[in-house]
PDB file of N, CA and C in Angstrom:
ATOM      1  N   MET A   1       0.858  -1.233   0.004  1.00  0.00           N
ATOM      2  CA  MET A   1       0.010  -0.013  -0.050  1.00  0.00           C
ATOM      3  C   MET A   1       0.969   1.363   0.003  1.00  0.00           C
ATOM      4  N   VAL A   2       0.483   2.180  -0.829  1.00  0.00           N
ATOM      5  CA  VAL A   2       1.475   3.408  -1.039  1.00  0.00           C
ATOM      6  C   VAL A   2       0.455   4.608  -0.749  1.00  0.00           C
ATOM      7  N   LEU A   3       0.677   5.374   0.195  1.00  0.00           N
ATOM      8  CA  LEU A   3       0.080   6.514   0.330  1.00  0.00           C
ATOM      9  C   LEU A   3       0.639   7.802  -0.252  1.00  0.00           C
ATOM     10  N   PRO A   4       0.106   8.414  -1.268  1.00  0.00           N
ATOM     11  CA  PRO A   4       0.677   9.508  -1.925  1.00  0.00           C
ATOM     12  C   PRO A   4       0.721  10.807  -0.929  1.00  0.00           C
ATOM     13  N   GLY A   5       1.828  11.414  -0.932  1.00  0.00           N
ATOM     14  CA  GLY A   5       2.135  12.563  -0.022  1.00  0.00           C
ATOM     15  C   GLY A   5       2.491  12.167   1.226  1.00  0.00           C
ATOM     16  N   GLN A   6       2.709  10.841   1.680  1.00  0.00           N
ATOM     17  CA  GLN A   6       3.003  10.504   3.051  1.00  0.00           C
ATOM     18  C   GLN A   6       4.481   9.696   2.841  1.00  0.00           C
ATOM     19  N   PRO A   7       5.451  10.017   3.792  1.00  0.00           N
ATOM     20  CA  PRO A   7       6.761   9.473   3.589  1.00  0.00           C
ATOM     21  C   PRO A   7       6.719   7.918   3.939  1.00  0.00           C
ATOM     22  N   HIS A   8       7.589   7.268   3.103  1.00  0.00           N
ATOM     23  CA  HIS A   8       7.705   5.822   3.258  1.00  0.00           C
ATOM     24  C   HIS A   8       9.074   5.261   3.570  1.00  0.00           C
ATOM     25  N   HIS A   9       9.390   4.304   4.298  1.00  0.00           N
ATOM     26  CA  HIS A   9      10.540   3.757   4.555  1.00  0.00           C
ATOM     27  C   HIS A   9      10.629   2.566   3.459  1.00  0.00           C
ATOM     28  N   VAL A  10      11.647   2.692   2.723  1.00  0.00           N
ATOM     29  CA  VAL A  10      11.810   1.714   1.726  1.00  0.00           C
ATOM     30  C   VAL A  10      13.050   0.918   2.036  1.00  0.00           C
ATOM     31  N   ILE A  11      12.869  -0.498   1.743  1.00  0.00           N
ATOM     32  CA  ILE A  11      14.240  -1.414   2.031  1.00  0.00           C
ATOM     33  C   ILE A  11      14.307  -2.281   0.973  1.00  0.00           C
ATOM     34  N   ILE A  12      15.491  -2.448   0.240  1.00  0.00           N
ATOM     35  CA  ILE A  12      15.682  -3.425  -0.738  1.00  0.00           C
ATOM     36  C   ILE A  12      17.115  -4.192  -0.369  1.00  0.00           C
ATOM     37  N   ARG A  13      17.145  -5.416  -0.492  1.00  0.00           N
ATOM     38  CA  ARG A  13      18.413  -6.116  -0.004  1.00  0.00           C
ATOM     39  C   ARG A  13      19.079  -6.813  -1.180  1.00  0.00           C
ATOM     40  N   GLY A  14      20.227  -7.062  -1.231  1.00  0.00           N
ATOM     41  CA  GLY A  14      20.855  -7.799  -2.153  1.00  0.00           C
ATOM     42  C   GLY A  14      20.503  -9.440  -2.046  1.00  0.00           C
ATOM     43  N   ASN A  15      20.667 -10.074  -3.199  1.00  0.00           N
ATOM     44  CA  ASN A  15      20.157 -11.479  -3.039  1.00  0.00           C
ATOM     45  C   ASN A  15      21.160 -12.156  -2.294  1.00  0.00           C
ATOM     46  N   ASN A  16      20.798 -13.065  -1.345  1.00  0.00           N
ATOM     47  CA  ASN A  16      21.555 -13.864  -0.409  1.00  0.00           C
ATOM     48  C   ASN A  16      22.578 -13.091   0.288  1.00  0.00           C
ATOM     49  N   ARG A  17      22.146 -11.864   0.722  1.00  0.00           N
ATOM     50  CA  ARG A  17      22.698 -10.864   1.321  1.00  0.00           C
ATOM     51  C   ARG A  17      24.238 -10.599   0.702  1.00  0.00           C
ATOM     52  N   GLN A  18      24.249 -10.726  -0.526  1.00  0.00           N
ATOM     53  CA  GLN A  18      25.539 -10.477  -1.305  1.00  0.00           C
ATOM     54  C   GLN A  18      25.546  -8.647  -1.535  1.00  0.00           C
ATOM     55  N   ALA A  19      26.759  -8.542  -1.444  1.00  0.00           N
ATOM     56  CA  ALA A  19      27.235  -6.921  -1.731  1.00  0.00           C
ATOM     57  C   ALA A  19      26.469  -6.460  -3.033  1.00  0.00           C
ATOM     58  N   VAL A  20      25.905  -5.422  -2.892  1.00  0.00           N
ATOM     59  CA  VAL A  20      25.178  -4.635  -4.078  1.00  0.00           C
ATOM     60  C   VAL A  20      26.154  -3.447  -4.441  1.00  0.00           C
ATOM     61  N   PHE A  21      27.065  -2.884  -3.509  1.00  0.00           N
ATOM     62  CA  PHE A  21      27.956  -1.870  -3.648  1.00  0.00           C
ATOM     63  C   PHE A  21      29.330  -2.355  -3.238  1.00  0.00           C
ATOM     64  N   ILE A  22      30.257  -2.226  -4.091  1.00  0.00           N
ATOM     65  CA  ILE A  22      31.579  -2.778  -3.983  1.00  0.00           C
ATOM     66  C   ILE A  22      32.713  -1.550  -3.843  1.00  0.00           C
ATOM     67  N   ALA A  23      32.509  -0.734  -4.909  1.00  0.00           N
ATOM     68  CA  ALA A  23      33.457   0.467  -5.036  1.00  0.00           C
ATOM     69  C   ALA A  23      32.706   1.761  -4.756  1.00  0.00           C
ATOM     70  N   ASP A  24      33.442   2.947  -4.530  1.00  0.00           N
ATOM     71  CA  ASP A  24      32.757   4.222  -4.394  1.00  0.00           C
ATOM     72  C   ASP A  24      31.974   4.523  -5.681  1.00  0.00           C
ATOM     73  N   GLU A  25      32.426   4.167  -6.969  1.00  0.00           N
ATOM     74  CA  GLU A  25      31.644   4.548  -8.054  1.00  0.00           C
ATOM     75  C   GLU A  25      30.471   3.920  -8.003  1.00  0.00           C
ATOM     76  N   ASP A  26      30.209   2.617  -7.366  1.00  0.00           N
ATOM     77  CA  ASP A  26      28.865   1.973  -7.465  1.00  0.00           C
ATOM     78  C   ASP A  26      27.786   2.783  -6.651  1.00  0.00           C
ATOM     79  N   TYR A  27      28.263   3.351  -5.520  1.00  0.00           N
ATOM     80  CA  TYR A  27      27.254   4.255  -4.608  1.00  0.00           C
ATOM     81  C   TYR A  27      26.916   5.556  -5.493  1.00  0.00           C
ATOM     82  N   ARG A  28      27.840   6.155  -6.267  1.00  0.00           N
ATOM     83  CA  ARG A  28      27.783   7.434  -6.815  1.00  0.00           C
ATOM     84  C   ARG A  28      26.861   7.077  -8.132  1.00  0.00           C
ATOM     85  N   PHE A  29      26.954   6.069  -8.887  1.00  0.00           N
ATOM     86  CA  PHE A  29      25.951   5.607  -9.795  1.00  0.00           C
ATOM     87  C   PHE A  29      24.624   5.517  -9.355  1.00  0.00           C
ATOM     88  N   TYR A  30      24.502   4.738  -8.132  1.00  0.00           N
ATOM     89  CA  TYR A  30      23.045   4.501  -7.702  1.00  0.00           C
ATOM     90  C   TYR A  30      22.396   5.705  -7.128  1.00  0.00           C
ATOM     91  N   LEU A  31      23.247   6.715  -6.611  1.00  0.00           N
ATOM     92  CA  LEU A  31      22.720   7.763  -6.171  1.00  0.00           C
ATOM     93  C   LEU A  31      22.323   8.823  -7.343  1.00  0.00           C
ATOM     94  N   ASP A  32      23.239   8.902  -8.402  1.00  0.00           N
ATOM     95  CA  ASP A  32      22.711   9.738  -9.642  1.00  0.00           C
ATOM     96  C   ASP A  32      21.480   8.997 -10.210  1.00  0.00           C
ATOM     97  N   LYS A  33      21.282   7.762 -10.375  1.00  0.00           N
ATOM     98  CA  LYS A  33      19.993   7.193 -10.848  1.00  0.00           C
ATOM     99  C   LYS A  33      18.904   7.466  -9.832  1.00  0.00           C
ATOM    100  N   LEU A  34      19.170   7.443  -8.733  1.00  0.00           N
ATOM    101  CA  LEU A  34      18.218   7.785  -7.749  1.00  0.00           C
ATOM    102  C   LEU A  34      17.516   9.097  -7.894  1.00  0.00           C
ATOM    103  N   ILE A  35      18.399  10.214  -8.185  1.00  0.00           N
ATOM    104  CA  ILE A  35      18.069  11.510  -8.330  1.00  0.00           C
ATOM    105  C   ILE A  35      17.364  11.614  -9.714  1.00  0.00           C
ATOM    106  N   GLU A  36      17.810  10.957 -10.654  1.00  0.00           N
ATOM    107  CA  GLU A  36      16.933  11.056 -12.020  1.00  0.00           C
ATOM    108  C   GLU A  36      15.808  10.425 -11.954  1.00  0.00           C
ATOM    109  N   SER A  37      15.542   9.128 -11.184  1.00  0.00           N
ATOM    110  CA  SER A  37      14.323   8.672 -11.113  1.00  0.00           C
ATOM    111  C   SER A  37      13.249   9.312 -10.236  1.00  0.00           C
ATOM    112  N   CYS A  38      13.695  10.071  -9.233  1.00  0.00           N
ATOM    113  CA  CYS A  38      12.926  10.668  -8.365  1.00  0.00           C
ATOM    114  C   CYS A  38      12.319  11.906  -9.341  1.00  0.00           C
ATOM    115  N   ASP A  39      13.217  12.473  -9.935  1.00  0.00           N
ATOM    116  CA  ASP A  39      12.723  13.567 -10.766  1.00  0.00           C
ATOM    117  C   ASP A  39      11.681  13.121 -11.669  1.00  0.00           C
ATOM    118  N   LYS A  40      11.818  12.105 -12.460  1.00  0.00           N
ATOM    119  CA  LYS A  40      10.945  11.544 -13.486  1.00  0.00           C
ATOM    120  C   LYS A  40       9.735  10.963 -12.786  1.00  0.00           C
ATOM    121  N   HIS A  41       9.572  10.491 -11.715  1.00  0.00           N
ATOM    122  CA  HIS A  41       8.457   9.722 -11.249  1.00  0.00           C
ATOM    123  C   HIS A  41       7.857  10.501  -9.840  1.00  0.00           C
ATOM    124  N   MET A  42       8.203  11.857  -9.645  1.00  0.00           N
ATOM    125  CA  MET A  42       7.640  12.448  -8.870  1.00  0.00           C
ATOM    126  C   MET A  42       7.755  12.083  -7.286  1.00  0.00           C
ATOM    127  N   CYS A  43       8.988  11.788  -6.837  1.00  0.00           N
ATOM    128  CA  CYS A  43       9.200  11.399  -5.267  1.00  0.00           C
ATOM    129  C   CYS A  43      10.171  12.248  -4.851  1.00  0.00           C
ATOM    130  N   ALA A  44      10.099  12.582  -3.431  1.00  0.00           N
ATOM    131  CA  ALA A  44      10.973  13.355  -2.885  1.00  0.00           C
ATOM    132  C   ALA A  44      11.600  12.306  -1.905  1.00  0.00           C
ATOM    133  N   VAL A  45      13.228  12.392  -1.986  1.00  0.00           N
ATOM    134  CA  VAL A  45      13.966  11.559  -1.143  1.00  0.00           C
ATOM    135  C   VAL A  45      14.368  12.484   0.070  1.00  0.00           C
ATOM    136  N   HIS A  46      14.086  12.125   1.216  1.00  0.00           N
ATOM    137  CA  HIS A  46      14.418  12.788   2.559  1.00  0.00           C
ATOM    138  C   HIS A  46      15.738  12.301   3.171  1.00  0.00           C
ATOM    139  N   SER A  47      15.953  11.123   2.960  1.00  0.00           N
ATOM    140  CA  SER A  47      17.310  10.508   3.641  1.00  0.00           C
ATOM    141  C   SER A  47      17.517   9.137   2.817  1.00  0.00           C
ATOM    142  N   TYR A  48      18.705   8.628   3.009  1.00  0.00           N
ATOM    143  CA  TYR A  48      19.137   7.341   2.352  1.00  0.00           C
ATOM    144  C   TYR A  48      20.204   6.995   3.266  1.00  0.00           C
ATOM    145  N   VAL A  49      20.359   5.549   3.198  1.00  0.00           N
ATOM    146  CA  VAL A  49      21.453   4.834   3.766  1.00  0.00           C
ATOM    147  C   VAL A  49      21.996   3.684   2.754  1.00  0.00           C
ATOM    148  N   LEU A  50      23.095   3.701   2.230  1.00  0.00           N
ATOM    149  CA  LEU A  50      23.624   2.781   1.194  1.00  0.00           C
ATOM    150  C   LEU A  50      24.354   1.871   1.964  1.00  0.00           C
ATOM    151  N   MET A  51      24.002   0.701   2.211  1.00  0.00           N
ATOM    152  CA  MET A  51      25.011  -0.300   3.112  1.00  0.00           C
ATOM    153  C   MET A  51      25.451  -1.229   1.987  1.00  0.00           C
ATOM    154  N   THR A  52      26.524  -1.911   2.285  1.00  0.00           N
ATOM    155  CA  THR A  52      27.186  -2.873   1.237  1.00  0.00           C
ATOM    156  C   THR A  52      26.330  -3.706   0.544  1.00  0.00           C
ATOM    157  N   ASN A  53      25.157  -4.100   1.345  1.00  0.00           N
ATOM    158  CA  ASN A  53      24.383  -5.223   0.886  1.00  0.00           C
ATOM    159  C   ASN A  53      22.750  -4.964   0.930  1.00  0.00           C
ATOM    160  N   HIS A  54      22.521  -3.664   1.110  1.00  0.00           N
ATOM    161  CA  HIS A  54      21.054  -3.383   1.127  1.00  0.00           C
ATOM    162  C   HIS A  54      21.002  -1.732   1.205  1.00  0.00           C
ATOM    163  N   VAL A  55      19.734  -1.213   0.884  1.00  0.00           N
ATOM    164  CA  VAL A  55      19.522   0.155   0.863  1.00  0.00           C
ATOM    165  C   VAL A  55      18.285   0.391   1.655  1.00  0.00           C
ATOM    166  N   HIS A  56      18.310   1.526   2.447  1.00  0.00           N
ATOM    167  CA  HIS A  56      17.210   2.204   3.135  1.00  0.00           C
ATOM    168  C   HIS A  56      17.115   3.670   2.439  1.00  0.00           C
ATOM    169  N   LEU A  57      15.808   3.988   2.150  1.00  0.00           N
ATOM    170  CA  LEU A  57      15.350   5.053   1.803  1.00  0.00           C
ATOM    171  C   LEU A  57      14.144   5.720   2.503  1.00  0.00           C
ATOM    172  N   LEU A  58      13.897   7.012   2.750  1.00  0.00           N
ATOM    173  CA  LEU A  58      12.911   7.714   3.120  1.00  0.00           C
ATOM    174  C   LEU A  58      12.401   8.564   2.056  1.00  0.00           C
ATOM    175  N   VAL A  59      11.251   8.161   1.497  1.00  0.00           N
ATOM    176  CA  VAL A  59      10.759   8.787   0.198  1.00  0.00           C
ATOM    177  C   VAL A  59       9.288   9.008   0.394  1.00  0.00           C
ATOM    178  N   THR A  60       8.894  10.241  -0.232  1.00  0.00           N
ATOM    179  CA  THR A  60       7.657  10.570  -0.252  1.00  0.00           C
ATOM    180  C   THR A  60       7.114  10.568  -1.753  1.00  0.00           C
ATOM    181  N   PRO A  61       6.254   9.545  -2.141  1.00  0.00           N
ATOM    182  CA  PRO A  61       5.808   9.736  -3.462  1.00  0.00           C
ATOM    183  C   PRO A  61       4.609  10.579  -3.714  1.00  0.00           C
ATOM    184  N   GLU A  62       4.546  11.246  -4.739  1.00  0.00           N
ATOM    185  CA  GLU A  62       3.302  12.280  -5.219  1.00  0.00           C
ATOM    186  C   GLU A  62       2.217  11.323  -5.578  1.00  0.00           C
ATOM    187  N   LYS A  63       2.303  10.222  -6.383  1.00  0.00           N
ATOM    188  CA  LYS A  63       1.140   9.577  -6.941  1.00  0.00           C
ATOM    189  C   LYS A  63       1.228   8.280  -6.222  1.00  0.00           C
ATOM    190  N   GLU A  64       0.212   7.425  -6.468  1.00  0.00           N
ATOM    191  CA  GLU A  64       0.238   6.147  -5.956  1.00  0.00           C
ATOM    192  C   GLU A  64       1.092   5.144  -6.737  1.00  0.00           C
ATOM    193  N   ASP A  65       1.373   5.274  -7.892  1.00  0.00           N
ATOM    194  CA  ASP A  65       2.463   4.244  -8.521  1.00  0.00           C
ATOM    195  C   ASP A  65       3.859   5.000  -8.642  1.00  0.00           C
ATOM    196  N   SER A  66       3.992   6.091  -8.017  1.00  0.00           N
ATOM    197  CA  SER A  66       5.253   6.896  -8.110  1.00  0.00           C
ATOM    198  C   SER A  66       6.432   5.966  -7.481  1.00  0.00           C
ATOM    199  N   LEU A  67       6.201   5.399  -6.351  1.00  0.00           N
ATOM    200  CA  LEU A  67       7.169   4.680  -5.658  1.00  0.00           C
ATOM    201  C   LEU A  67       7.682   3.407  -6.460  1.00  0.00           C
ATOM    202  N   SER A  68       6.682   2.640  -6.918  1.00  0.00           N
ATOM    203  CA  SER A  68       7.080   1.419  -7.557  1.00  0.00           C
ATOM    204  C   SER A  68       7.830   1.737  -8.820  1.00  0.00           C
ATOM    205  N   LYS A  69       7.284   2.801  -9.588  1.00  0.00           N
ATOM    206  CA  LYS A  69       8.061   3.258 -10.805  1.00  0.00           C
ATOM    207  C   LYS A  69       9.497   3.735 -10.555  1.00  0.00           C
ATOM    208  N   LEU A  70       9.667   4.405  -9.466  1.00  0.00           N
ATOM    209  CA  LEU A  70      10.919   4.783  -9.014  1.00  0.00           C
ATOM    210  C   LEU A  70      11.902   3.533  -8.764  1.00  0.00           C
ATOM    211  N   MET A  71      11.393   2.619  -7.989  1.00  0.00           N
ATOM    212  CA  MET A  71      12.185   1.582  -7.626  1.00  0.00           C
ATOM    213  C   MET A  71      12.484   0.661  -8.945  1.00  0.00           C
ATOM    214  N   GLN A  72      11.553   0.493  -9.913  1.00  0.00           N
ATOM    215  CA  GLN A  72      11.786  -0.147 -10.930  1.00  0.00           C
ATOM    216  C   GLN A  72      12.816   0.629 -11.869  1.00  0.00           C
ATOM    217  N   MET A  73      12.802   1.800 -11.987  1.00  0.00           N
ATOM    218  CA  MET A  73      13.823   2.442 -12.911  1.00  0.00           C
ATOM    219  C   MET A  73      15.318   2.357 -12.378  1.00  0.00           C
ATOM    220  N   ILE A  74      15.165   2.711 -10.944  1.00  0.00           N
ATOM    221  CA  ILE A  74      16.619   2.382 -10.547  1.00  0.00           C
ATOM    222  C   ILE A  74      17.116   1.047 -10.634  1.00  0.00           C
ATOM    223  N   GLY A  75      16.223   0.015 -10.309  1.00  0.00           N
ATOM    224  CA  GLY A  75      16.801  -1.277 -10.384  1.00  0.00           C
ATOM    225  C   GLY A  75      17.113  -1.737 -11.895  1.00  0.00           C
ATOM    226  N   ARG A  76      16.409  -1.252 -12.886  1.00  0.00           N
ATOM    227  CA  ARG A  76      16.746  -1.533 -14.219  1.00  0.00           C
ATOM    228  C   ARG A  76      18.177  -0.930 -14.624  1.00  0.00           C
ATOM    229  N   PHE A  77      18.469   0.190 -14.221  1.00  0.00           N
ATOM    230  CA  PHE A  77      19.652   0.953 -14.594  1.00  0.00           C
ATOM    231  C   PHE A  77      20.797   0.233 -13.730  1.00  0.00           C
ATOM    232  N   TYR A  78      20.527   0.018 -12.411  1.00  0.00           N
ATOM    233  CA  TYR A  78      21.629  -0.300 -11.555  1.00  0.00           C
ATOM    234  C   TYR A  78      22.081  -1.772 -11.713  1.00  0.00           C
ATOM    235  N   VAL A  79      21.119  -2.563 -11.971  1.00  0.00           N
ATOM    236  CA  VAL A  79      21.451  -4.050 -12.174  1.00  0.00           C
ATOM    237  C   VAL A  79      22.262  -4.183 -13.442  1.00  0.00           C
ATOM    238  N   GLN A  80      21.801  -3.466 -14.587  1.00  0.00           N
ATOM    239  CA  GLN A  80      22.622  -3.490 -15.653  1.00  0.00           C
ATOM    240  C   GLN A  80      24.101  -2.939 -15.600  1.00  0.00           C
ATOM    241  N   TYR A  81      24.055  -1.879 -14.879  1.00  0.00           N
ATOM    242  CA  TYR A  81      25.556  -1.211 -14.655  1.00  0.00           C
ATOM    243  C   TYR A  81      26.369  -2.324 -13.676  1.00  0.00           C
ATOM    244  N   PHE A  82      25.882  -2.922 -12.699  1.00  0.00           N
ATOM    245  CA  PHE A  82      26.484  -3.662 -11.919  1.00  0.00           C
ATOM    246  C   PHE A  82      26.973  -4.989 -12.632  1.00  0.00           C
ATOM    247  N   ASN A  83      26.079  -5.552 -13.172  1.00  0.00           N
ATOM    248  CA  ASN A  83      26.456  -6.773 -14.095  1.00  0.00           C
ATOM    249  C   ASN A  83      27.468  -6.575 -15.154  1.00  0.00           C
ATOM    250  N   HIS A  84      27.480  -5.539 -15.684  1.00  0.00           N
ATOM    251  CA  HIS A  84      28.352  -5.125 -16.671  1.00  0.00           C
ATOM    252  C   HIS A  84      29.755  -4.922 -16.048  1.00  0.00           C
ATOM    253  N   ARG A  85      29.840  -4.098 -15.012  1.00  0.00           N
ATOM    254  CA  ARG A  85      30.935  -3.639 -14.431  1.00  0.00           C
ATOM    255  C   ARG A  85      31.625  -4.812 -13.886  1.00  0.00           C
ATOM    256  N   TYR A  86      30.971  -5.898 -13.210  1.00  0.00           N
ATOM    257  CA  TYR A  86      31.640  -6.838 -12.533  1.00  0.00           C
ATOM    258  C   TYR A  86      31.446  -8.206 -13.208  1.00  0.00           C
ATOM    259  N   ARG A  87      31.048  -8.025 -14.536  1.00  0.00           N
ATOM    260  CA  ARG A  87      31.161  -9.321 -15.452  1.00  0.00           C
ATOM    261  C   ARG A  87      30.185 -10.412 -14.908  1.00  0.00           C
ATOM    262  N   ARG A  88      29.040 -10.318 -14.524  1.00  0.00           N
ATOM    263  CA  ARG A  88      28.126 -11.120 -14.060  1.00  0.00           C
ATOM    264  C   ARG A  88      26.890 -11.217 -14.713  1.00  0.00           C
ATOM    265  N   THR A  89      25.977 -12.146 -14.522  1.00  0.00           N
ATOM    266  CA  THR A  89      24.640 -12.040 -15.148  1.00  0.00           C
ATOM    267  C   THR A  89      23.473 -12.388 -14.034  1.00  0.00           C
ATOM    268  N   GLY A  90      22.281 -11.998 -14.278  1.00  0.00           N
ATOM    269  CA  GLY A  90      21.261 -12.523 -13.350  1.00  0.00           C
ATOM    270  C   GLY A  90      20.869 -11.333 -12.434  1.00  0.00           C
ATOM    271  N   GLY A  91      19.822 -11.723 -11.434  1.00  0.00           N
ATOM    272  CA  GLY A  91      19.280 -10.679 -10.704  1.00  0.00           C
ATOM    273  C   GLY A  91      20.304 -10.371  -9.558  1.00  0.00           C
ATOM    274  N   LEU A  92      20.135  -9.229  -9.092  1.00  0.00           N
ATOM    275  CA  LEU A  92      21.014  -8.757  -7.931  1.00  0.00           C
ATOM    276  C   LEU A  92      20.213  -8.555  -6.605  1.00  0.00           C
ATOM    277  N   TRP A  93      18.968  -8.214  -6.794  1.00  0.00           N
ATOM    278  CA  TRP A  93      18.122  -7.898  -5.485  1.00  0.00           C
ATOM    279  C   TRP A  93      17.370  -9.188  -4.983  1.00  0.00           C
ATOM    280  N   ASP A  94      17.146  -9.189  -3.697  1.00  0.00           N
ATOM    281  CA  ASP A  94      16.430 -10.343  -3.093  1.00  0.00           C
ATOM    282  C   ASP A  94      14.831 -10.117  -3.201  1.00  0.00           C
ATOM    283  N   GLY A  95      14.303 -10.202  -4.446  1.00  0.00           N
ATOM    284  CA  GLY A  95      12.899  -9.906  -4.710  1.00  0.00           C
ATOM    285  C   GLY A  95      12.493  -8.504  -4.744  1.00  0.00           C
ATOM    286  N   ARG A  96      11.357  -8.218  -4.540  1.00  0.00           N
ATOM    287  CA  ARG A  96      10.782  -6.804  -4.663  1.00  0.00           C
ATOM    288  C   ARG A  96      11.237  -6.026  -3.324  1.00  0.00           C
ATOM    289  N   PHE A  97      11.169  -4.762  -3.446  1.00  0.00           N
ATOM    290  CA  PHE A  97      11.364  -3.855  -2.353  1.00  0.00           C
ATOM    291  C   PHE A  97      10.425  -3.957  -1.308  1.00  0.00           C
ATOM    292  N   LYS A  98      10.665  -3.694  -0.165  1.00  0.00           N
ATOM    293  CA  LYS A  98       9.463  -3.568   0.926  1.00  0.00           C
ATOM    294  C   LYS A  98       9.475  -2.062   1.301  1.00  0.00           C
ATOM    295  N   SER A  99       8.256  -1.587   1.745  1.00  0.00           N
ATOM    296  CA  SER A  99       8.022  -0.245   1.920  1.00  0.00           C
ATOM    297  C   SER A  99       6.942  -0.201   3.089  1.00  0.00           C
ATOM    298  N   ALA A 100       6.795   0.952   3.945  1.00  0.00           N
ATOM    299  CA  ALA A 100       5.962   1.113   5.000  1.00  0.00           C
ATOM    300  C   ALA A 100       5.700   2.420   5.164  1.00  0.00           C
ATOM    301  N   PRO A 101       4.563   3.049   5.008  1.00  0.00           N
ATOM    302  CA  PRO A 101       4.350   4.515   5.538  1.00  0.00           C
ATOM    303  C   PRO A 101       4.906   4.743   6.796  1.00  0.00           C
ATOM    304  N   VAL A 102       5.335   6.145   6.973  1.00  0.00           N
ATOM    305  CA  VAL A 102       5.928   6.466   8.166  1.00  0.00           C
ATOM    306  C   VAL A 102       4.911   7.596   8.691  1.00  0.00           C
ATOM    307  N   ASP A 103       4.477   7.433  10.047  1.00  0.00           N
ATOM    308  CA  ASP A 103       3.559   8.247  10.616  1.00  0.00           C
ATOM    309  C   ASP A 103       4.345   9.495  11.045  1.00  0.00           C
ATOM    310  N   THR A 104       3.997  10.649  10.637  1.00  0.00           N
ATOM    311  CA  THR A 104       4.556  11.834  10.792  1.00  0.00           C
ATOM    312  C   THR A 104       4.032  12.741  11.966  1.00  0.00           C
ATOM    313  N   CYS A 105       2.880  12.258  12.606  1.00  0.00           N
ATOM    314  CA  CYS A 105       2.258  12.922  13.576  1.00  0.00           C
ATOM    315  C   CYS A 105       3.086  12.724  14.921  1.00  0.00           C
ATOM    316  N   LEU A 106       3.259  13.544  15.667  1.00  0.00           N
ATOM    317  CA  LEU A 106       3.840  13.528  16.919  1.00  0.00           C
ATOM    318  C   LEU A 106       3.099  13.588  18.242  1.00  0.00           C
TER     319      LEU A 106
END
């Protein structure tokens, strides 16, 4: 469930807990695609944590399908980049991303 206008905590993990970021350039490429994807699919990123084998994002989507389109676009670009760079094939992520709306009321 995605609530437009509401922040969401998003997590995506590497398949079998494998590393999805190896070099500094990997982090930079991911962040560049995150910015590009957010602009295209109307999402605001408030914070992020890129760990070696998973990603946490705090994202507010403007539309109901913004978040899924954002993650699909990043995934498509990043997996292709990663597989080419490290001469590998196949999936990188452990299934679909998980997300949950964050209550902003205090």
